[in-house]
């Protein structure tokens, strides 16, 4: 069969998931199981290598899956596409060593930032795969669809940037808001911090409380600014503050914007409705309906709405999504579908879980 293509005899693409023992890796597997064009050929996880997936994630125990192996033991000849769910800094080293014929969908931060100096400043290490960085496509599907088709390496956006950019890119690019005055108040469930043991995400530490973190220094800020600056046509700095919410999954961003001269909240709504009218996973809610995390949980949907601010000349845009699905694994599969010229919604049409 052609390299990195669909097997005509089975209709399947053989995929490997690196970092399969993390939350995003597990959700990728959960979604991929029911994708008609995906065959899970290999699951890699350094810490849990040698274990059945059911031992690491019992909720996947009813499904016949490959046992976890060390990434060095993956048979790349039996793989066409790699989904990478490793931490930043680790992913670039492994991806750089993969056979060139493999297509890669990376869920880490290693190929999102186009400028190597900016990457080093925010992630604390030089970028060692700059040649790949030059060809990587930013995987915000709704805005990079044309570039994704046939791409070899896709860098899926972070969860906070996905929600924020969905809310802001259409109104910034249309000149409806002042790009120099963007305030983003963001909140996410604790799964966004990963599965590793951290004091701040222990139940006794995070439960029954709400706390901001990485104030003025969150690593998703330069990613947001990179894309908004591109839409604006000039450098933009965003006031971005994330908060940890005591829930497993879910994310909501509240964006405070200053309207451009003679523009109204209704103009923002019209621009968002027009931009997303044909998008399968982005919905601008009816006027007055408030987006809520419980209305997207477990799904690949992003809900958006616009509200007038009490302060004249200002408006509020709210967006919500599931940080592990549309904010990570679901968006990765959506990008995979576009890369492989499959139906974009394939494997992603499940509705949200409620309550």
C-alpha atoms as a PDB file:
ATOM      1  CA  UNK A   1       0.000   0.000   0.000  1.00  0.00           C
ATOM      2  CA  UNK A   2       1.176   3.611  -0.497  1.00  0.00           C
ATOM      3  CA  UNK A   3       3.156   5.042   2.367  1.00  0.00           C
ATOM      4  CA  UNK A   4       1.074   6.676   5.110  1.00  0.00           C
ATOM      5  CA  UNK A   5      -2.204   6.012   3.289  1.00  0.00           C
ATOM      6  CA  UNK A   6      -5.431   4.117   3.809  1.00  0.00           C
ATOM      7  CA  UNK A   7      -5.269   0.394   3.109  1.00  0.00           C
ATOM      8  CA  UNK A   8      -7.723  -0.089   0.262  1.00  0.00           C
ATOM      9  CA  UNK A   9      -8.453  -3.669   1.316  1.00  0.00           C
ATOM     10  CA  UNK A  10      -9.499  -2.782   4.875  1.00  0.00           C
ATOM     11  CA  UNK A  11     -10.244   0.947   4.728  1.00  0.00           C
ATOM     12  CA  UNK A  12      -8.014   1.311   7.801  1.00  0.00           C
ATOM     13  CA  UNK A  13      -5.056   3.487   8.751  1.00  0.00           C
ATOM     14  CA  UNK A  14      -2.662   1.838  11.192  1.00  0.00           C
ATOM     15  CA  UNK A  15      -1.925   4.238  14.043  1.00  0.00           C
ATOM     16  CA  UNK A  16       0.407   4.320  17.025  1.00  0.00           C
ATOM     17  CA  UNK A  17      -0.343   6.358  20.129  1.00  0.00           C
ATOM     18  CA  UNK A  18       2.760   7.551  21.982  1.00  0.00           C
ATOM     19  CA  UNK A  19       2.020   8.638  25.528  1.00  0.00           C
ATOM     20  CA  UNK A  20      -0.991   6.338  25.729  1.00  0.00           C
ATOM     21  CA  UNK A  21      -0.908   6.218  29.536  1.00  0.00           C
ATOM     22  CA  UNK A  22      -1.762   9.928  29.899  1.00  0.00           C
ATOM     23  CA  UNK A  23      -5.195  11.506  29.906  1.00  0.00           C
ATOM     24  CA  UNK A  24      -5.003  12.811  26.349  1.00  0.00           C
ATOM     25  CA  UNK A  25      -3.582   9.506  25.125  1.00  0.00           C
ATOM     26  CA  UNK A  26      -6.378   7.570  26.786  1.00  0.00           C
ATOM     27  CA  UNK A  27      -9.058   9.855  25.362  1.00  0.00           C
ATOM     28  CA  UNK A  28      -7.452   9.513  21.927  1.00  0.00           C
ATOM     29  CA  UNK A  29      -7.746   5.731  22.255  1.00  0.00           C
ATOM     30  CA  UNK A  30     -11.342   6.017  23.492  1.00  0.00           C
ATOM     31  CA  UNK A  31     -12.313   8.015  20.420  1.00  0.00           C
ATOM     32  CA  UNK A  32     -10.205   6.007  17.973  1.00  0.00           C
ATOM     33  CA  UNK A  33     -11.804   2.706  18.997  1.00  0.00           C
ATOM     34  CA  UNK A  34     -15.044   3.642  17.215  1.00  0.00           C
ATOM     35  CA  UNK A  35     -13.417   5.366  14.239  1.00  0.00           C
ATOM     36  CA  UNK A  36     -14.191   3.243  11.167  1.00  0.00           C
ATOM     37  CA  UNK A  37     -10.866   4.061   9.490  1.00  0.00           C
ATOM     38  CA  UNK A  38      -8.474   3.589  12.424  1.00  0.00           C
ATOM     39  CA  UNK A  39      -6.683   0.431  13.444  1.00  0.00           C
ATOM     40  CA  UNK A  40      -4.744   0.863  16.687  1.00  0.00           C
ATOM     41  CA  UNK A  41      -1.496  -0.905  15.856  1.00  0.00           C
ATOM     42  CA  UNK A  42       0.675   0.151  18.800  1.00  0.00           C
ATOM     43  CA  UNK A  43       0.402   1.881  22.188  1.00  0.00           C
ATOM     44  CA  UNK A  44       3.555   3.293  23.744  1.00  0.00           C
ATOM     45  CA  UNK A  45       4.154   4.530  27.290  1.00  0.00           C
ATOM     46  CA  UNK A  46       7.519   4.564  29.005  1.00  0.00           C
ATOM     47  CA  UNK A  47       6.393   4.316  32.622  1.00  0.00           C
ATOM     48  CA  UNK A  48       3.812   1.569  32.034  1.00  0.00           C
ATOM     49  CA  UNK A  49       5.580  -0.358  29.272  1.00  0.00           C
ATOM     50  CA  UNK A  50       4.770  -4.074  29.395  1.00  0.00           C
ATOM     51  CA  UNK A  51       1.317  -3.619  30.914  1.00  0.00           C
ATOM     52  CA  UNK A  52      -2.058  -4.263  29.285  1.00  0.00           C
ATOM     53  CA  UNK A  53      -3.971  -1.047  28.654  1.00  0.00           C
ATOM     54  CA  UNK A  54      -6.715  -2.399  30.938  1.00  0.00           C
ATOM     55  CA  UNK A  55      -4.314  -2.290  33.901  1.00  0.00           C
ATOM     56  CA  UNK A  56      -3.641   1.402  33.340  1.00  0.00           C
ATOM     57  CA  UNK A  57      -7.144   2.439  32.268  1.00  0.00           C
ATOM     58  CA  UNK A  58      -9.750  -0.128  33.402  1.00  0.00           C
ATOM     59  CA  UNK A  59     -12.513   1.728  31.550  1.00  0.00           C
ATOM     60  CA  UNK A  60     -10.879   0.514  28.309  1.00  0.00           C
ATOM     61  CA  UNK A  61     -10.602  -3.073  29.550  1.00  0.00           C
ATOM     62  CA  UNK A  62     -13.459  -4.422  27.435  1.00  0.00           C
ATOM     63  CA  UNK A  63     -11.662  -3.529  24.226  1.00  0.00           C
ATOM     64  CA  UNK A  64      -8.970  -5.690  22.649  1.00  0.00           C
ATOM     65  CA  UNK A  65      -5.954  -3.388  22.478  1.00  0.00           C
ATOM     66  CA  UNK A  66      -2.211  -3.879  22.077  1.00  0.00           C
ATOM     67  CA  UNK A  67      -0.216  -3.993  25.295  1.00  0.00           C
ATOM     68  CA  UNK A  68       1.784  -0.893  26.127  1.00  0.00           C
ATOM     69  CA  UNK A  69       5.406  -0.911  24.957  1.00  0.00           C
ATOM     70  CA  UNK A  70       8.360   1.406  25.243  1.00  0.00           C
ATOM     71  CA  UNK A  71       8.546   3.808  22.301  1.00  0.00           C
ATOM     72  CA  UNK A  72      11.890   2.260  21.309  1.00  0.00           C
ATOM     73  CA  UNK A  73      10.122  -1.074  20.834  1.00  0.00           C
ATOM     74  CA  UNK A  74       7.389   0.135  18.455  1.00  0.00           C
ATOM     75  CA  UNK A  75       7.459  -1.591  15.064  1.00  0.00           C
ATOM     76  CA  UNK A  76       7.234   1.473  12.842  1.00  0.00           C
ATOM     77  CA  UNK A  77       6.881  -0.711   9.746  1.00  0.00           C
ATOM     78  CA  UNK A  78       3.416  -1.638  10.998  1.00  0.00           C
ATOM     79  CA  UNK A  79       2.355   1.999  11.484  1.00  0.00           C
ATOM     80  CA  UNK A  80       1.136   4.727   9.089  1.00  0.00           C
ATOM     81  CA  UNK A  81       0.228   7.613  11.425  1.00  0.00           C
ATOM     82  CA  UNK A  82       1.514   8.531  14.887  1.00  0.00           C
ATOM     83  CA  UNK A  83      -0.493  10.394  17.532  1.00  0.00           C
ATOM     84  CA  UNK A  84       1.901  11.871  20.080  1.00  0.00           C
ATOM     85  CA  UNK A  85       0.652  12.750  23.562  1.00  0.00           C
ATOM     86  CA  UNK A  86       3.982  13.334  25.269  1.00  0.00           C
ATOM     87  CA  UNK A  87       4.944  16.338  27.423  1.00  0.00           C
ATOM     88  CA  UNK A  88       6.606  19.336  25.800  1.00  0.00           C
ATOM     89  CA  UNK A  89      10.326  18.958  25.364  1.00  0.00           C
ATOM     90  CA  UNK A  90      10.021  15.186  25.070  1.00  0.00           C
ATOM     91  CA  UNK A  91       7.915  15.047  21.941  1.00  0.00           C
ATOM     92  CA  UNK A  92      10.334  16.871  19.625  1.00  0.00           C
ATOM     93  CA  UNK A  93      13.163  14.464  20.401  1.00  0.00           C
ATOM     94  CA  UNK A  94      11.095  11.397  19.545  1.00  0.00           C
ATOM     95  CA  UNK A  95       9.285  12.877  16.546  1.00  0.00           C
ATOM     96  CA  UNK A  96      12.584  13.968  15.006  1.00  0.00           C
ATOM     97  CA  UNK A  97      13.731  10.331  14.996  1.00  0.00           C
ATOM     98  CA  UNK A  98      10.604   8.855  13.402  1.00  0.00           C
ATOM     99  CA  UNK A  99      10.778   7.493   9.829  1.00  0.00           C
ATOM    100  CA  UNK A 100      10.012  10.302   7.378  1.00  0.00           C
ATOM    101  CA  UNK A 101       7.201   8.345   5.744  1.00  0.00           C
ATOM    102  CA  UNK A 102       5.085   8.545   8.919  1.00  0.00           C
ATOM    103  CA  UNK A 103       2.470  11.233   9.357  1.00  0.00           C
ATOM    104  CA  UNK A 104       2.422  12.725  12.858  1.00  0.00           C
ATOM    105  CA  UNK A 105      -0.325  14.422  14.867  1.00  0.00           C
ATOM    106  CA  UNK A 106       1.386  15.976  17.883  1.00  0.00           C
ATOM    107  CA  UNK A 107      -0.652  17.009  20.923  1.00  0.00           C
ATOM    108  CA  UNK A 108       2.321  18.528  22.766  1.00  0.00           C
ATOM    109  CA  UNK A 109       3.490  22.150  22.587  1.00  0.00           C
ATOM    110  CA  UNK A 110       6.728  21.384  20.755  1.00  0.00           C
ATOM    111  CA  UNK A 111       5.672  22.404  17.255  1.00  0.00           C
ATOM    112  CA  UNK A 112       3.026  25.048  17.963  1.00  0.00           C
ATOM    113  CA  UNK A 113       5.321  28.051  18.367  1.00  0.00           C
ATOM    114  CA  UNK A 114       6.837  29.089  15.035  1.00  0.00           C
ATOM    115  CA  UNK A 115       9.696  31.162  16.470  1.00  0.00           C
ATOM    116  CA  UNK A 116      12.433  29.093  18.106  1.00  0.00           C
ATOM    117  CA  UNK A 117      13.500  31.982  20.332  1.00  0.00           C
ATOM    118  CA  UNK A 118       9.974  32.336  21.695  1.00  0.00           C
ATOM    119  CA  UNK A 119       9.800  28.586  22.275  1.00  0.00           C
ATOM    120  CA  UNK A 120      13.070  28.613  24.229  1.00  0.00           C
ATOM    121  CA  UNK A 121      11.961  31.619  26.289  1.00  0.00           C
ATOM    122  CA  UNK A 122       8.684  30.014  27.373  1.00  0.00           C
ATOM    123  CA  UNK A 123       9.615  26.334  27.517  1.00  0.00           C
ATOM    124  CA  UNK A 124      13.103  26.627  28.947  1.00  0.00           C
ATOM    125  CA  UNK A 125      15.061  24.653  26.370  1.00  0.00           C
ATOM    126  CA  UNK A 126      16.308  25.147  22.810  1.00  0.00           C
ATOM    127  CA  UNK A 127      14.215  23.705  20.017  1.00  0.00           C
ATOM    128  CA  UNK A 128      16.218  20.842  18.562  1.00  0.00           C
ATOM    129  CA  UNK A 129      14.005  20.049  15.582  1.00  0.00           C
ATOM    130  CA  UNK A 130      13.769  23.436  13.867  1.00  0.00           C
ATOM    131  CA  UNK A 131      13.740  21.803  10.439  1.00  0.00           C
ATOM    132  CA  UNK A 132      10.480  20.077  11.319  1.00  0.00           C
ATOM    133  CA  UNK A 133       9.131  23.232  12.931  1.00  0.00           C
ATOM    134  CA  UNK A 134       9.326  24.979   9.564  1.00  0.00           C
ATOM    135  CA  UNK A 135       6.931  22.503   7.952  1.00  0.00           C
ATOM    136  CA  UNK A 136       4.582  21.826  10.882  1.00  0.00           C
ATOM    137  CA  UNK A 137       0.968  22.949  10.382  1.00  0.00           C
ATOM    138  CA  UNK A 138      -0.839  24.540  13.330  1.00  0.00           C
ATOM    139  CA  UNK A 139      -3.781  22.239  13.931  1.00  0.00           C
ATOM    140  CA  UNK A 140      -6.610  24.662  14.622  1.00  0.00           C
ATOM    141  CA  UNK A 141      -8.755  22.765  12.160  1.00  0.00           C
ATOM    142  CA  UNK A 142     -11.326  25.409  11.364  1.00  0.00           C
ATOM    143  CA  UNK A 143      -8.644  27.938  10.402  1.00  0.00           C
ATOM    144  CA  UNK A 144      -5.944  25.741   8.810  1.00  0.00           C
ATOM    145  CA  UNK A 145      -8.034  23.181   6.952  1.00  0.00           C
ATOM    146  CA  UNK A 146      -6.412  23.813   3.566  1.00  0.00           C
ATOM    147  CA  UNK A 147      -2.884  23.417   4.954  1.00  0.00           C
ATOM    148  CA  UNK A 148      -3.835  20.292   6.913  1.00  0.00           C
ATOM    149  CA  UNK A 149      -4.810  18.299   3.860  1.00  0.00           C
ATOM    150  CA  UNK A 150      -1.813  16.163   3.029  1.00  0.00           C
ATOM    151  CA  UNK A 151       0.346  17.585   5.848  1.00  0.00           C
ATOM    152  CA  UNK A 152       3.080  15.401   7.316  1.00  0.00           C
ATOM    153  CA  UNK A 153       3.299  16.978  10.811  1.00  0.00           C
ATOM    154  CA  UNK A 154       0.436  18.719  12.596  1.00  0.00           C
ATOM    155  CA  UNK A 155       0.823  20.574  15.894  1.00  0.00           C
ATOM    156  CA  UNK A 156      -2.498  20.474  17.724  1.00  0.00           C
ATOM    157  CA  UNK A 157      -3.186  23.673  19.698  1.00  0.00           C
ATOM    158  CA  UNK A 158      -3.357  23.753  23.466  1.00  0.00           C
ATOM    159  CA  UNK A 159      -6.780  23.582  25.086  1.00  0.00           C
ATOM    160  CA  UNK A 160      -6.779  27.198  26.281  1.00  0.00           C
ATOM    161  CA  UNK A 161      -5.697  28.548  22.872  1.00  0.00           C
ATOM    162  CA  UNK A 162      -8.362  26.482  21.107  1.00  0.00           C
ATOM    163  CA  UNK A 163     -11.213  27.983  23.124  1.00  0.00           C
ATOM    164  CA  UNK A 164      -9.726  31.487  23.118  1.00  0.00           C
ATOM    165  CA  UNK A 165      -8.954  31.568  19.408  1.00  0.00           C
ATOM    166  CA  UNK A 166     -12.369  30.238  18.455  1.00  0.00           C
ATOM    167  CA  UNK A 167     -13.886  33.136  20.378  1.00  0.00           C
ATOM    168  CA  UNK A 168     -11.540  35.875  19.180  1.00  0.00           C
ATOM    169  CA  UNK A 169     -10.065  35.172  15.735  1.00  0.00           C
ATOM    170  CA  UNK A 170     -13.183  36.020  13.682  1.00  0.00           C
ATOM    171  CA  UNK A 171     -13.788  39.330  15.450  1.00  0.00           C
ATOM    172  CA  UNK A 172     -10.108  40.347  15.460  1.00  0.00           C
ATOM    173  CA  UNK A 173      -9.598  39.554  11.769  1.00  0.00           C
ATOM    174  CA  UNK A 174     -12.747  41.532  10.910  1.00  0.00           C
ATOM    175  CA  UNK A 175     -11.492  44.571  12.843  1.00  0.00           C
ATOM    176  CA  UNK A 176     -14.510  44.564  15.140  1.00  0.00           C
ATOM    177  CA  UNK A 177     -12.527  44.797  18.389  1.00  0.00           C
ATOM    178  CA  UNK A 178      -9.404  46.594  19.554  1.00  0.00           C
ATOM    179  CA  UNK A 179      -6.722  43.897  19.445  1.00  0.00           C
ATOM    180  CA  UNK A 180      -4.560  45.839  21.897  1.00  0.00           C
ATOM    181  CA  UNK A 181      -7.177  45.401  24.653  1.00  0.00           C
ATOM    182  CA  UNK A 182      -8.003  41.699  25.012  1.00  0.00           C
ATOM    183  CA  UNK A 183      -8.531  40.169  28.446  1.00  0.00           C
ATOM    184  CA  UNK A 184      -9.002  36.411  28.737  1.00  0.00           C
ATOM    185  CA  UNK A 185     -10.194  34.894  32.014  1.00  0.00           C
ATOM    186  CA  UNK A 186      -9.783  31.119  31.558  1.00  0.00           C
ATOM    187  CA  UNK A 187     -10.796  28.150  33.709  1.00  0.00           C
ATOM    188  CA  UNK A 188     -10.012  24.461  33.266  1.00  0.00           C
ATOM    189  CA  UNK A 189     -10.498  21.137  34.997  1.00  0.00           C
ATOM    190  CA  UNK A 190      -7.564  19.392  36.678  1.00  0.00           C
ATOM    191  CA  UNK A 191      -7.058  16.854  33.853  1.00  0.00           C
ATOM    192  CA  UNK A 192      -5.403  19.701  31.941  1.00  0.00           C
ATOM    193  CA  UNK A 193      -2.429  19.344  34.283  1.00  0.00           C
ATOM    194  CA  UNK A 194      -1.840  15.765  33.157  1.00  0.00           C
ATOM    195  CA  UNK A 195      -1.885  12.471  35.035  1.00  0.00           C
ATOM    196  CA  UNK A 196       1.436  12.859  36.831  1.00  0.00           C
ATOM    197  CA  UNK A 197       1.438  13.281  40.598  1.00  0.00           C
ATOM    198  CA  UNK A 198       1.438  16.993  41.508  1.00  0.00           C
ATOM    199  CA  UNK A 199       0.630  18.461  44.892  1.00  0.00           C
ATOM    200  CA  UNK A 200      -1.560  21.206  43.437  1.00  0.00           C
ATOM    201  CA  UNK A 201      -3.916  18.720  41.776  1.00  0.00           C
ATOM    202  CA  UNK A 202      -4.378  16.396  44.754  1.00  0.00           C
ATOM    203  CA  UNK A 203      -8.021  16.228  45.830  1.00  0.00           C
ATOM    204  CA  UNK A 204      -7.317  17.856  49.190  1.00  0.00           C
ATOM    205  CA  UNK A 205      -5.439  20.673  47.466  1.00  0.00           C
ATOM    206  CA  UNK A 206      -7.709  21.353  44.479  1.00  0.00           C
ATOM    207  CA  UNK A 207     -11.119  20.228  45.727  1.00  0.00           C
ATOM    208  CA  UNK A 208     -13.667  22.726  47.012  1.00  0.00           C
ATOM    209  CA  UNK A 209     -11.616  25.635  45.801  1.00  0.00           C
ATOM    210  CA  UNK A 210     -10.745  27.838  42.856  1.00  0.00           C
ATOM    211  CA  UNK A 211      -7.276  29.188  42.222  1.00  0.00           C
ATOM    212  CA  UNK A 212      -5.468  31.131  39.491  1.00  0.00           C
ATOM    213  CA  UNK A 213      -2.032  29.920  38.448  1.00  0.00           C
ATOM    214  CA  UNK A 214       0.845  30.914  36.159  1.00  0.00           C
ATOM    215  CA  UNK A 215      -0.397  34.496  36.421  1.00  0.00           C
ATOM    216  CA  UNK A 216       1.076  36.521  33.587  1.00  0.00           C
ATOM    217  CA  UNK A 217       3.343  33.611  32.689  1.00  0.00           C
ATOM    218  CA  UNK A 218       1.273  30.747  31.265  1.00  0.00           C
ATOM    219  CA  UNK A 219       2.911  28.976  28.339  1.00  0.00           C
ATOM    220  CA  UNK A 220      -0.248  29.108  26.243  1.00  0.00           C
ATOM    221  CA  UNK A 221      -0.095  32.915  26.121  1.00  0.00           C
ATOM    222  CA  UNK A 222       2.522  33.146  23.313  1.00  0.00           C
ATOM    223  CA  UNK A 223       0.561  30.609  21.283  1.00  0.00           C
ATOM    224  CA  UNK A 224      -2.591  32.712  21.605  1.00  0.00           C
ATOM    225  CA  UNK A 225      -0.655  35.877  20.770  1.00  0.00           C
ATOM    226  CA  UNK A 226       1.003  34.246  17.757  1.00  0.00           C
ATOM    227  CA  UNK A 227      -2.350  33.470  16.127  1.00  0.00           C
ATOM    228  CA  UNK A 228      -4.132  36.681  17.115  1.00  0.00           C
ATOM    229  CA  UNK A 229      -1.169  38.752  15.895  1.00  0.00           C
ATOM    230  CA  UNK A 230      -1.386  36.966  12.560  1.00  0.00           C
ATOM    231  CA  UNK A 231      -5.125  37.715  12.320  1.00  0.00           C
ATOM    232  CA  UNK A 232      -4.595  41.333  13.365  1.00  0.00           C
ATOM    233  CA  UNK A 233      -1.625  41.961  11.108  1.00  0.00           C
ATOM    234  CA  UNK A 234       0.559  43.288  13.933  1.00  0.00           C
ATOM    235  CA  UNK A 235       2.017  42.252  17.277  1.00  0.00           C
ATOM    236  CA  UNK A 236      -0.567  41.738  20.014  1.00  0.00           C
ATOM    237  CA  UNK A 237      -0.139  41.048  23.731  1.00  0.00           C
ATOM    238  CA  UNK A 238      -3.069  39.373  25.466  1.00  0.00           C
ATOM    239  CA  UNK A 239      -3.957  39.617  29.151  1.00  0.00           C
ATOM    240  CA  UNK A 240      -4.410  35.888  29.879  1.00  0.00           C
ATOM    241  CA  UNK A 241      -5.031  34.381  33.318  1.00  0.00           C
ATOM    242  CA  UNK A 242      -5.869  30.672  33.821  1.00  0.00           C
ATOM    243  CA  UNK A 243      -7.653  29.179  36.825  1.00  0.00           C
ATOM    244  CA  UNK A 244      -7.921  25.628  38.147  1.00  0.00           C
ATOM    245  CA  UNK A 245     -11.464  24.374  38.732  1.00  0.00           C
ATOM    246  CA  UNK A 246     -12.143  21.291  40.909  1.00  0.00           C
ATOM    247  CA  UNK A 247     -13.632  19.124  38.142  1.00  0.00           C
ATOM    248  CA  UNK A 248     -12.069  16.408  35.994  1.00  0.00           C
ATOM    249  CA  UNK A 249     -12.596  17.875  32.550  1.00  0.00           C
ATOM    250  CA  UNK A 250     -13.993  20.963  30.901  1.00  0.00           C
ATOM    251  CA  UNK A 251     -12.874  24.461  30.052  1.00  0.00           C
ATOM    252  CA  UNK A 252     -14.449  27.891  29.765  1.00  0.00           C
ATOM    253  CA  UNK A 253     -12.924  31.196  28.698  1.00  0.00           C
ATOM    254  CA  UNK A 254     -14.466  34.608  29.253  1.00  0.00           C
ATOM    255  CA  UNK A 255     -13.007  37.181  26.870  1.00  0.00           C
ATOM    256  CA  UNK A 256     -13.449  40.877  27.647  1.00  0.00           C
ATOM    257  CA  UNK A 257     -13.055  43.035  24.544  1.00  0.00           C
ATOM    258  CA  UNK A 258     -13.185  46.716  23.656  1.00  0.00           C
ATOM    259  CA  UNK A 259     -15.301  47.314  20.582  1.00  0.00           C
ATOM    260  CA  UNK A 260     -13.919  49.130  17.578  1.00  0.00           C
ATOM    261  CA  UNK A 261     -15.508  52.492  16.774  1.00  0.00           C
ATOM    262  CA  UNK A 262     -19.230  52.269  15.968  1.00  0.00           C
ATOM    263  CA  UNK A 263     -19.315  48.478  16.487  1.00  0.00           C
ATOM    264  CA  UNK A 264     -21.711  46.596  18.752  1.00  0.00           C
ATOM    265  CA  UNK A 265     -22.022  43.225  20.438  1.00  0.00           C
ATOM    266  CA  UNK A 266     -24.541  42.365  17.710  1.00  0.00           C
ATOM    267  CA  UNK A 267     -21.799  42.902  15.114  1.00  0.00           C
ATOM    268  CA  UNK A 268     -19.578  40.434  16.954  1.00  0.00           C
ATOM    269  CA  UNK A 269     -22.378  37.871  17.057  1.00  0.00           C
ATOM    270  CA  UNK A 270     -23.039  38.304  13.340  1.00  0.00           C
ATOM    271  CA  UNK A 271     -19.346  37.804  12.515  1.00  0.00           C
ATOM    272  CA  UNK A 272     -19.121  34.656  14.632  1.00  0.00           C
ATOM    273  CA  UNK A 273     -22.340  33.236  13.223  1.00  0.00           C
ATOM    274  CA  UNK A 274     -21.165  33.882   9.675  1.00  0.00           C
ATOM    275  CA  UNK A 275     -17.711  32.412  10.248  1.00  0.00           C
ATOM    276  CA  UNK A 276     -18.967  29.225  11.889  1.00  0.00           C
ATOM    277  CA  UNK A 277     -22.209  28.678   9.985  1.00  0.00           C
ATOM    278  CA  UNK A 278     -20.904  25.590   8.194  1.00  0.00           C
ATOM    279  CA  UNK A 279     -18.598  24.282  10.914  1.00  0.00           C
ATOM    280  CA  UNK A 280     -19.744  20.939  12.344  1.00  0.00           C
ATOM    281  CA  UNK A 281     -18.279  21.380  15.824  1.00  0.00           C
ATOM    282  CA  UNK A 282     -18.542  25.131  16.531  1.00  0.00           C
ATOM    283  CA  UNK A 283     -21.905  26.515  17.587  1.00  0.00           C
ATOM    284  CA  UNK A 284     -22.827  30.123  18.310  1.00  0.00           C
ATOM    285  CA  UNK A 285     -25.691  29.823  20.778  1.00  0.00           C
ATOM    286  CA  UNK A 286     -28.971  31.735  20.549  1.00  0.00           C
ATOM    287  CA  UNK A 287     -28.883  35.203  22.021  1.00  0.00           C
ATOM    288  CA  UNK A 288     -28.858  35.157  25.815  1.00  0.00           C
ATOM    289  CA  UNK A 289     -27.950  31.452  26.199  1.00  0.00           C
ATOM    290  CA  UNK A 290     -24.896  31.029  28.433  1.00  0.00           C
ATOM    291  CA  UNK A 291     -22.234  28.480  27.397  1.00  0.00           C
ATOM    292  CA  UNK A 292     -21.480  25.936  30.138  1.00  0.00           C
ATOM    293  CA  UNK A 293     -18.887  23.189  30.460  1.00  0.00           C
ATOM    294  CA  UNK A 294     -21.528  20.567  31.260  1.00  0.00           C
ATOM    295  CA  UNK A 295     -23.003  21.078  27.773  1.00  0.00           C
ATOM    296  CA  UNK A 296     -19.849  19.925  25.955  1.00  0.00           C
ATOM    297  CA  UNK A 297     -18.455  17.274  28.329  1.00  0.00           C
ATOM    298  CA  UNK A 298     -17.056  14.295  26.432  1.00  0.00           C
ATOM    299  CA  UNK A 299     -17.797  15.845  23.027  1.00  0.00           C
ATOM    300  CA  UNK A 300     -15.819  17.598  20.290  1.00  0.00           C
ATOM    301  CA  UNK A 301     -18.074  20.662  20.345  1.00  0.00           C
ATOM    302  CA  UNK A 302     -17.216  24.249  21.196  1.00  0.00           C
ATOM    303  CA  UNK A 303     -20.051  26.569  22.240  1.00  0.00           C
ATOM    304  CA  UNK A 304     -19.729  30.355  21.946  1.00  0.00           C
ATOM    305  CA  UNK A 305     -21.881  33.348  22.756  1.00  0.00           C
ATOM    306  CA  UNK A 306     -21.592  37.134  22.939  1.00  0.00           C
ATOM    307  CA  UNK A 307     -22.988  39.449  25.607  1.00  0.00           C
ATOM    308  CA  UNK A 308     -23.133  43.211  25.981  1.00  0.00           C
ATOM    309  CA  UNK A 309     -20.992  44.598  28.780  1.00  0.00           C
ATOM    310  CA  UNK A 310     -22.396  47.143  31.224  1.00  0.00           C
ATOM    311  CA  UNK A 311     -19.381  49.275  30.368  1.00  0.00           C
ATOM    312  CA  UNK A 312     -20.124  51.244  27.192  1.00  0.00           C
ATOM    313  CA  UNK A 313     -18.022  50.227  24.214  1.00  0.00           C
ATOM    314  CA  UNK A 314     -17.212  46.785  25.561  1.00  0.00           C
ATOM    315  CA  UNK A 315     -18.508  43.236  25.055  1.00  0.00           C
ATOM    316  CA  UNK A 316     -17.983  39.782  26.552  1.00  0.00           C
ATOM    317  CA  UNK A 317     -17.389  36.631  24.483  1.00  0.00           C
ATOM    318  CA  UNK A 318     -17.634  33.263  26.221  1.00  0.00           C
ATOM    319  CA  UNK A 319     -16.475  29.925  24.784  1.00  0.00           C
ATOM    320  CA  UNK A 320     -16.495  26.463  26.309  1.00  0.00           C
ATOM    321  CA  UNK A 321     -15.154  23.053  25.278  1.00  0.00           C
ATOM    322  CA  UNK A 322     -13.951  19.764  26.730  1.00  0.00           C
ATOM    323  CA  UNK A 323     -10.223  20.237  27.268  1.00  0.00           C
ATOM    324  CA  UNK A 324      -9.471  16.566  26.552  1.00  0.00           C
ATOM    325  CA  UNK A 325     -11.598  16.321  23.395  1.00  0.00           C
ATOM    326  CA  UNK A 326     -11.918  19.499  21.307  1.00  0.00           C
ATOM    327  CA  UNK A 327      -9.008  20.846  23.341  1.00  0.00           C
ATOM    328  CA  UNK A 328      -6.773  17.864  22.567  1.00  0.00           C
ATOM    329  CA  UNK A 329      -7.610  14.299  21.470  1.00  0.00           C
ATOM    330  CA  UNK A 330     -10.804  15.111  19.558  1.00  0.00           C
ATOM    331  CA  UNK A 331      -9.136  17.933  17.678  1.00  0.00           C
ATOM    332  CA  UNK A 332      -6.246  15.557  16.924  1.00  0.00           C
ATOM    333  CA  UNK A 333      -8.629  13.086  15.289  1.00  0.00           C
ATOM    334  CA  UNK A 334     -10.390  15.912  13.451  1.00  0.00           C
ATOM    335  CA  UNK A 335      -7.004  16.943  12.061  1.00  0.00           C
ATOM    336  CA  UNK A 336      -6.207  13.324  11.208  1.00  0.00           C
ATOM    337  CA  UNK A 337      -9.431  13.115   9.218  1.00  0.00           C
ATOM    338  CA  UNK A 338      -8.524  16.204   7.196  1.00  0.00           C
ATOM    339  CA  UNK A 339      -4.935  15.031   6.683  1.00  0.00           C
ATOM    340  CA  UNK A 340      -6.134  11.703   5.334  1.00  0.00           C
ATOM    341  CA  UNK A 341      -8.963  13.186   3.232  1.00  0.00           C
ATOM    342  CA  UNK A 342     -11.617  11.428   5.309  1.00  0.00           C
ATOM    343  CA  UNK A 343     -14.967  12.834   6.390  1.00  0.00           C
ATOM    344  CA  UNK A 344     -13.982  15.435   8.970  1.00  0.00           C
ATOM    345  CA  UNK A 345     -16.562  14.388  11.546  1.00  0.00           C
ATOM    346  CA  UNK A 346     -15.647  10.693  11.399  1.00  0.00           C
ATOM    347  CA  UNK A 347     -15.394   9.177  14.865  1.00  0.00           C
ATOM    348  CA  UNK A 348     -16.349  12.460  16.559  1.00  0.00           C
ATOM    349  CA  UNK A 349     -20.104  12.706  16.371  1.00  0.00           C
ATOM    350  CA  UNK A 350     -20.878  11.490  19.893  1.00  0.00           C
ATOM    351  CA  UNK A 351     -22.970  13.894  21.932  1.00  0.00           C
ATOM    352  CA  UNK A 352     -21.930  15.272  25.287  1.00  0.00           C
ATOM    353  CA  UNK A 353     -22.385  13.479  28.599  1.00  0.00           C
ATOM    354  CA  UNK A 354     -25.005  15.015  30.877  1.00  0.00           C
ATOM    355  CA  UNK A 355     -25.378  15.246  33.781  1.00  0.00           C
END
